[in-house]
Amino acid sequence: MDTMVADQIFKVIDSLNLQRVETVLTGIRPEVVQTVVSIGIDFNNLTIKSSLQKAIENLLIRF
């Protein structure tokens, strides 16, 4: 993932947040996370799960 793709993904997430849509990122490989963090993107306000299954399980528990 290059910086342009990462930037576009986070612009979409920011747009969704403005509409009160909670975004959950899933299945991000460690090397992708390292790249994104190295360019200064902050993951602190995002929900991240290791797989789509884990994200759905978390959603079902909440509701």
PDB file of N, CA and C in Angstrom:
ATOM      1  N   MET A   1       0.864  -1.168   0.000  1.00  0.00           N
ATOM      2  CA  MET A   1       0.000   0.000   0.000  1.00  0.00           C
ATOM      3  C   MET A   1       0.907   1.226   0.000  1.00  0.00           C
ATOM      4  N   ASP A   2       0.696   2.096  -0.949  1.00  0.00           N
ATOM      5  CA  ASP A   2       1.501   3.307  -0.954  1.00  0.00           C
ATOM      6  C   ASP A   2       0.782   4.422  -0.196  1.00  0.00           C
ATOM      7  N   THR A   3       1.463   5.531  -0.043  1.00  0.00           N
ATOM      8  CA  THR A   3       0.924   6.623   0.773  1.00  0.00           C
ATOM      9  C   THR A   3      -0.334   7.225   0.165  1.00  0.00           C
ATOM     10  N   MET A   4      -0.431   7.240  -1.153  1.00  0.00           N
ATOM     11  CA  MET A   4      -1.610   7.813  -1.798  1.00  0.00           C
ATOM     12  C   MET A   4      -2.857   6.972  -1.500  1.00  0.00           C
ATOM     13  N   VAL A   5      -2.721   5.660  -1.555  1.00  0.00           N
ATOM     14  CA  VAL A   5      -3.847   4.769  -1.262  1.00  0.00           C
ATOM     15  C   VAL A   5      -4.255   4.914   0.202  1.00  0.00           C
ATOM     16  N   ALA A   6      -3.282   4.916   1.094  1.00  0.00           N
ATOM     17  CA  ALA A   6      -3.575   5.073   2.521  1.00  0.00           C
ATOM     18  C   ALA A   6      -4.282   6.394   2.775  1.00  0.00           C
ATOM     19  N   ASP A   7      -3.827   7.450   2.143  1.00  0.00           N
ATOM     20  CA  ASP A   7      -4.449   8.759   2.303  1.00  0.00           C
ATOM     21  C   ASP A   7      -5.901   8.734   1.841  1.00  0.00           C
ATOM     22  N   GLN A   8      -6.175   8.103   0.722  1.00  0.00           N
ATOM     23  CA  GLN A   8      -7.544   8.027   0.205  1.00  0.00           C
ATOM     24  C   GLN A   8      -8.448   7.216   1.128  1.00  0.00           C
ATOM     25  N   ILE A   9      -7.933   6.118   1.667  1.00  0.00           N
ATOM     26  CA  ILE A   9      -8.716   5.303   2.601  1.00  0.00           C
ATOM     27  C   ILE A   9      -9.118   6.134   3.813  1.00  0.00           C
ATOM     28  N   PHE A  10      -8.184   6.885   4.354  1.00  0.00           N
ATOM     29  CA  PHE A  10      -8.487   7.667   5.543  1.00  0.00           C
ATOM     30  C   PHE A  10      -9.372   8.869   5.232  1.00  0.00           C
ATOM     31  N   LYS A  11      -9.343   9.374   4.021  1.00  0.00           N
ATOM     32  CA  LYS A  11     -10.296  10.420   3.630  1.00  0.00           C
ATOM     33  C   LYS A  11     -11.714   9.854   3.593  1.00  0.00           C
ATOM     34  N   VAL A  12     -11.858   8.629   3.105  1.00  0.00           N
ATOM     35  CA  VAL A  12     -13.173   7.971   3.103  1.00  0.00           C
ATOM     36  C   VAL A  12     -13.651   7.757   4.535  1.00  0.00           C
ATOM     37  N   ILE A  13     -12.761   7.294   5.398  1.00  0.00           N
ATOM     38  CA  ILE A  13     -13.124   7.078   6.806  1.00  0.00           C
ATOM     39  C   ILE A  13     -13.555   8.386   7.453  1.00  0.00           C
ATOM     40  N   ASP A  14     -12.823   9.467   7.196  1.00  0.00           N
ATOM     41  CA  ASP A  14     -13.197  10.770   7.753  1.00  0.00           C
ATOM     42  C   ASP A  14     -14.569  11.211   7.252  1.00  0.00           C
ATOM     43  N   SER A  15     -14.840  10.983   5.977  1.00  0.00           N
ATOM     44  CA  SER A  15     -16.152  11.338   5.413  1.00  0.00           C
ATOM     45  C   SER A  15     -17.268  10.530   6.065  1.00  0.00           C
ATOM     46  N   LEU A  16     -17.020   9.251   6.273  1.00  0.00           N
ATOM     47  CA  LEU A  16     -18.017   8.406   6.937  1.00  0.00           C
ATOM     48  C   LEU A  16     -18.258   8.856   8.371  1.00  0.00           C
ATOM     49  N   ASN A  17     -17.194   9.259   9.054  1.00  0.00           N
ATOM     50  CA  ASN A  17     -17.339   9.747  10.430  1.00  0.00           C
ATOM     51  C   ASN A  17     -18.218  10.985  10.496  1.00  0.00           C
ATOM     52  N   LEU A  18     -18.136  11.847   9.491  1.00  0.00           N
ATOM     53  CA  LEU A  18     -18.981  13.035   9.452  1.00  0.00           C
ATOM     54  C   LEU A  18     -20.455  12.666   9.352  1.00  0.00           C
ATOM     55  N   GLN A  19     -20.730  11.502   8.784  1.00  0.00           N
ATOM     56  CA  GLN A  19     -22.099  11.028   8.643  1.00  0.00           C
ATOM     57  C   GLN A  19     -22.498  10.081   9.777  1.00  0.00           C
ATOM     58  N   ARG A  20     -21.646  10.038  10.807  1.00  0.00           N
ATOM     59  CA  ARG A  20     -21.862   9.202  11.995  1.00  0.00           C
ATOM     60  C   ARG A  20     -21.864   7.711  11.684  1.00  0.00           C
ATOM     61  N   VAL A  21     -21.074   7.320  10.709  1.00  0.00           N
ATOM     62  CA  VAL A  21     -20.904   5.914  10.365  1.00  0.00           C
ATOM     63  C   VAL A  21     -19.620   5.431  11.027  1.00  0.00           C
ATOM     64  N   GLU A  22     -19.737   4.366  11.812  1.00  0.00           N
ATOM     65  CA  GLU A  22     -18.555   3.797  12.458  1.00  0.00           C
ATOM     66  C   GLU A  22     -17.848   2.867  11.473  1.00  0.00           C
ATOM     67  N   THR A  23     -16.579   3.100  11.284  1.00  0.00           N
ATOM     68  CA  THR A  23     -15.794   2.308  10.357  1.00  0.00           C
ATOM     69  C   THR A  23     -14.953   1.301  11.133  1.00  0.00           C
ATOM     70  N   VAL A  24     -14.922   0.071  10.650  1.00  0.00           N
ATOM     71  CA  VAL A  24     -14.084  -0.965  11.240  1.00  0.00           C
ATOM     72  C   VAL A  24     -13.165  -1.485  10.144  1.00  0.00           C
ATOM     73  N   LEU A  25     -11.876  -1.389  10.384  1.00  0.00           N
ATOM     74  CA  LEU A  25     -10.907  -1.935   9.436  1.00  0.00           C
ATOM     75  C   LEU A  25     -10.616  -3.384   9.800  1.00  0.00           C
ATOM     76  N   THR A  26     -10.530  -4.234   8.791  1.00  0.00           N
ATOM     77  CA  THR A  26     -10.253  -5.651   9.051  1.00  0.00           C
ATOM     78  C   THR A  26      -9.167  -6.158   8.117  1.00  0.00           C
ATOM     79  N   GLY A  27      -8.463  -7.176   8.587  1.00  0.00           N
ATOM     80  CA  GLY A  27      -7.524  -7.908   7.750  1.00  0.00           C
ATOM     81  C   GLY A  27      -6.328  -7.117   7.270  1.00  0.00           C
ATOM     82  N   ILE A  28      -5.853  -6.179   8.065  1.00  0.00           N
ATOM     83  CA  ILE A  28      -4.701  -5.384   7.655  1.00  0.00           C
ATOM     84  C   ILE A  28      -3.426  -6.131   8.030  1.00  0.00           C
ATOM     85  N   ARG A  29      -2.588  -6.354   7.047  1.00  0.00           N
ATOM     86  CA  ARG A  29      -1.322  -7.056   7.299  1.00  0.00           C
ATOM     87  C   ARG A  29      -0.375  -6.169   8.104  1.00  0.00           C
ATOM     88  N   PRO A  30       0.471  -6.773   8.936  1.00  0.00           N
ATOM     89  CA  PRO A  30       1.399  -6.002   9.769  1.00  0.00           C
ATOM     90  C   PRO A  30       2.292  -5.045   8.972  1.00  0.00           C
ATOM     91  N   GLU A  31       2.756  -5.473   7.812  1.00  0.00           N
ATOM     92  CA  GLU A  31       3.635  -4.596   7.027  1.00  0.00           C
ATOM     93  C   GLU A  31       2.887  -3.367   6.503  1.00  0.00           C
ATOM     94  N   VAL A  32       1.591  -3.527   6.263  1.00  0.00           N
ATOM     95  CA  VAL A  32       0.779  -2.383   5.835  1.00  0.00           C
ATOM     96  C   VAL A  32       0.626  -1.404   6.997  1.00  0.00           C
ATOM     97  N   VAL A  33       0.372  -1.937   8.179  1.00  0.00           N
ATOM     98  CA  VAL A  33       0.254  -1.087   9.367  1.00  0.00           C
ATOM     99  C   VAL A  33       1.551  -0.319   9.593  1.00  0.00           C
ATOM    100  N   GLN A  34       2.675  -0.992   9.470  1.00  0.00           N
ATOM    101  CA  GLN A  34       3.962  -0.321   9.657  1.00  0.00           C
ATOM    102  C   GLN A  34       4.147   0.818   8.662  1.00  0.00           C
ATOM    103  N   THR A  35       3.769   0.593   7.422  1.00  0.00           N
ATOM    104  CA  THR A  35       3.883   1.638   6.407  1.00  0.00           C
ATOM    105  C   THR A  35       3.003   2.823   6.735  1.00  0.00           C
ATOM    106  N   VAL A  36       1.753   2.539   7.094  1.00  0.00           N
ATOM    107  CA  VAL A  36       0.803   3.614   7.380  1.00  0.00           C
ATOM    108  C   VAL A  36       1.249   4.414   8.600  1.00  0.00           C
ATOM    109  N   VAL A  37       1.697   3.727   9.641  1.00  0.00           N
ATOM    110  CA  VAL A  37       2.156   4.419  10.850  1.00  0.00           C
ATOM    111  C   VAL A  37       3.418   5.231  10.545  1.00  0.00           C
ATOM    112  N   SER A  38       4.291   4.705   9.704  1.00  0.00           N
ATOM    113  CA  SER A  38       5.540   5.417   9.381  1.00  0.00           C
ATOM    114  C   SER A  38       5.289   6.720   8.630  1.00  0.00           C
ATOM    115  N   ILE A  39       4.152   6.822   7.933  1.00  0.00           N
ATOM    116  CA  ILE A  39       3.850   8.077   7.243  1.00  0.00           C
ATOM    117  C   ILE A  39       3.007   9.009   8.117  1.00  0.00           C
ATOM    118  N   GLY A  40       2.758   8.591   9.357  1.00  0.00           N
ATOM    119  CA  GLY A  40       2.134   9.481  10.321  1.00  0.00           C
ATOM    120  C   GLY A  40       0.635   9.389  10.460  1.00  0.00           C
ATOM    121  N   ILE A  41       0.030   8.323   9.962  1.00  0.00           N
ATOM    122  CA  ILE A  41      -1.412   8.163  10.111  1.00  0.00           C
ATOM    123  C   ILE A  41      -1.697   7.518  11.459  1.00  0.00           C
ATOM    124  N   ASP A  42      -2.642   8.100  12.177  1.00  0.00           N
ATOM    125  CA  ASP A  42      -2.962   7.692  13.546  1.00  0.00           C
ATOM    126  C   ASP A  42      -4.143   6.716  13.548  1.00  0.00           C
ATOM    127  N   PHE A  43      -3.948   5.549  14.143  1.00  0.00           N
ATOM    128  CA  PHE A  43      -4.988   4.531  14.246  1.00  0.00           C
ATOM    129  C   PHE A  43      -5.760   4.598  15.562  1.00  0.00           C
ATOM    130  N   ASN A  44      -5.446   5.549  16.424  1.00  0.00           N
ATOM    131  CA  ASN A  44      -6.029   5.560  17.767  1.00  0.00           C
ATOM    132  C   ASN A  44      -7.549   5.660  17.798  1.00  0.00           C
ATOM    133  N   ASN A  45      -8.152   6.322  16.836  1.00  0.00           N
ATOM    134  CA  ASN A  45      -9.604   6.509  16.864  1.00  0.00           C
ATOM    135  C   ASN A  45     -10.347   5.516  15.986  1.00  0.00           C
ATOM    136  N   LEU A  46      -9.664   4.465  15.541  1.00  0.00           N
ATOM    137  CA  LEU A  46     -10.281   3.472  14.672  1.00  0.00           C
ATOM    138  C   LEU A  46     -10.455   2.146  15.391  1.00  0.00           C
ATOM    139  N   THR A  47     -11.498   1.446  15.008  1.00  0.00           N
ATOM    140  CA  THR A  47     -11.674   0.077  15.468  1.00  0.00           C
ATOM    141  C   THR A  47     -11.055  -0.824  14.423  1.00  0.00           C
ATOM    142  N   ILE A  48     -10.157  -1.680  14.853  1.00  0.00           N
ATOM    143  CA  ILE A  48      -9.461  -2.579  13.936  1.00  0.00           C
ATOM    144  C   ILE A  48      -9.608  -4.005  14.455  1.00  0.00           C
ATOM    145  N   LYS A  49     -10.017  -4.900  13.585  1.00  0.00           N
ATOM    146  CA  LYS A  49     -10.161  -6.316  13.920  1.00  0.00           C
ATOM    147  C   LYS A  49      -9.315  -7.130  12.950  1.00  0.00           C
ATOM    148  N   SER A  50      -8.878  -8.275  13.408  1.00  0.00           N
ATOM    149  CA  SER A  50      -7.988  -9.105  12.591  1.00  0.00           C
ATOM    150  C   SER A  50      -8.684  -9.738  11.393  1.00  0.00           C
ATOM    151  N   SER A  51     -10.006  -9.900  11.479  1.00  0.00           N
ATOM    152  CA  SER A  51     -10.735 -10.527  10.372  1.00  0.00           C
ATOM    153  C   SER A  51     -12.168  -9.994  10.328  1.00  0.00           C
ATOM    154  N   LEU A  52     -12.817 -10.215   9.214  1.00  0.00           N
ATOM    155  CA  LEU A  52     -14.213  -9.821   9.085  1.00  0.00           C
ATOM    156  C   LEU A  52     -15.071 -10.583  10.088  1.00  0.00           C
ATOM    157  N   GLN A  53     -14.747 -11.842  10.311  1.00  0.00           N
ATOM    158  CA  GLN A  53     -15.492 -12.640  11.282  1.00  0.00           C
ATOM    159  C   GLN A  53     -15.418 -12.015  12.675  1.00  0.00           C
ATOM    160  N   LYS A  54     -14.232 -11.574  13.082  1.00  0.00           N
ATOM    161  CA  LYS A  54     -14.077 -10.947  14.400  1.00  0.00           C
ATOM    162  C   LYS A  54     -14.874  -9.646  14.477  1.00  0.00           C
ATOM    163  N   ALA A  55     -14.910  -8.888  13.394  1.00  0.00           N
ATOM    164  CA  ALA A  55     -15.666  -7.640  13.375  1.00  0.00           C
ATOM    165  C   ALA A  55     -17.159  -7.912  13.526  1.00  0.00           C
ATOM    166  N   ILE A  56     -17.650  -8.916  12.830  1.00  0.00           N
ATOM    167  CA  ILE A  56     -19.073  -9.264  12.922  1.00  0.00           C
ATOM    168  C   ILE A  56     -19.415  -9.780  14.315  1.00  0.00           C
ATOM    169  N   GLU A  57     -18.552 -10.621  14.879  1.00  0.00           N
ATOM    170  CA  GLU A  57     -18.774 -11.115  16.241  1.00  0.00           C
ATOM    171  C   GLU A  57     -18.847  -9.947  17.221  1.00  0.00           C
ATOM    172  N   ASN A  58     -17.953  -8.986  17.074  1.00  0.00           N
ATOM    173  CA  ASN A  58     -17.945  -7.822  17.949  1.00  0.00           C
ATOM    174  C   ASN A  58     -19.232  -7.011  17.788  1.00  0.00           C
ATOM    175  N   LEU A  59     -19.692  -6.878  16.578  1.00  0.00           N
ATOM    176  CA  LEU A  59     -20.942  -6.166  16.313  1.00  0.00           C
ATOM    177  C   LEU A  59     -22.127  -6.865  16.950  1.00  0.00           C
ATOM    178  N   LEU A  60     -22.175  -8.192  16.830  1.00  0.00           N
ATOM    179  CA  LEU A  60     -23.288  -8.960  17.395  1.00  0.00           C
ATOM    180  C   LEU A  60     -23.304  -8.875  18.922  1.00  0.00           C
ATOM    181  N   ILE A  61     -22.147  -8.835  19.523  1.00  0.00           N
ATOM    182  CA  ILE A  61     -22.063  -8.720  20.983  1.00  0.00           C
ATOM    183  C   ILE A  61     -22.592  -7.361  21.438  1.00  0.00           C
ATOM    184  N   ARG A  62     -22.287  -6.325  20.673  1.00  0.00           N
ATOM    185  CA  ARG A  62     -22.700  -4.960  21.037  1.00  0.00           C
ATOM    186  C   ARG A  62     -24.194  -4.765  20.924  1.00  0.00           C
ATOM    187  N   PHE A  63     -24.857  -5.466  20.007  1.00  0.00           N
ATOM    188  CA  PHE A  63     -26.283  -5.268  19.792  1.00  0.00           C
ATOM    189  C   PHE A  63     -26.996  -6.512  20.189  1.00  0.00           C
TER     190      PHE A  63
END
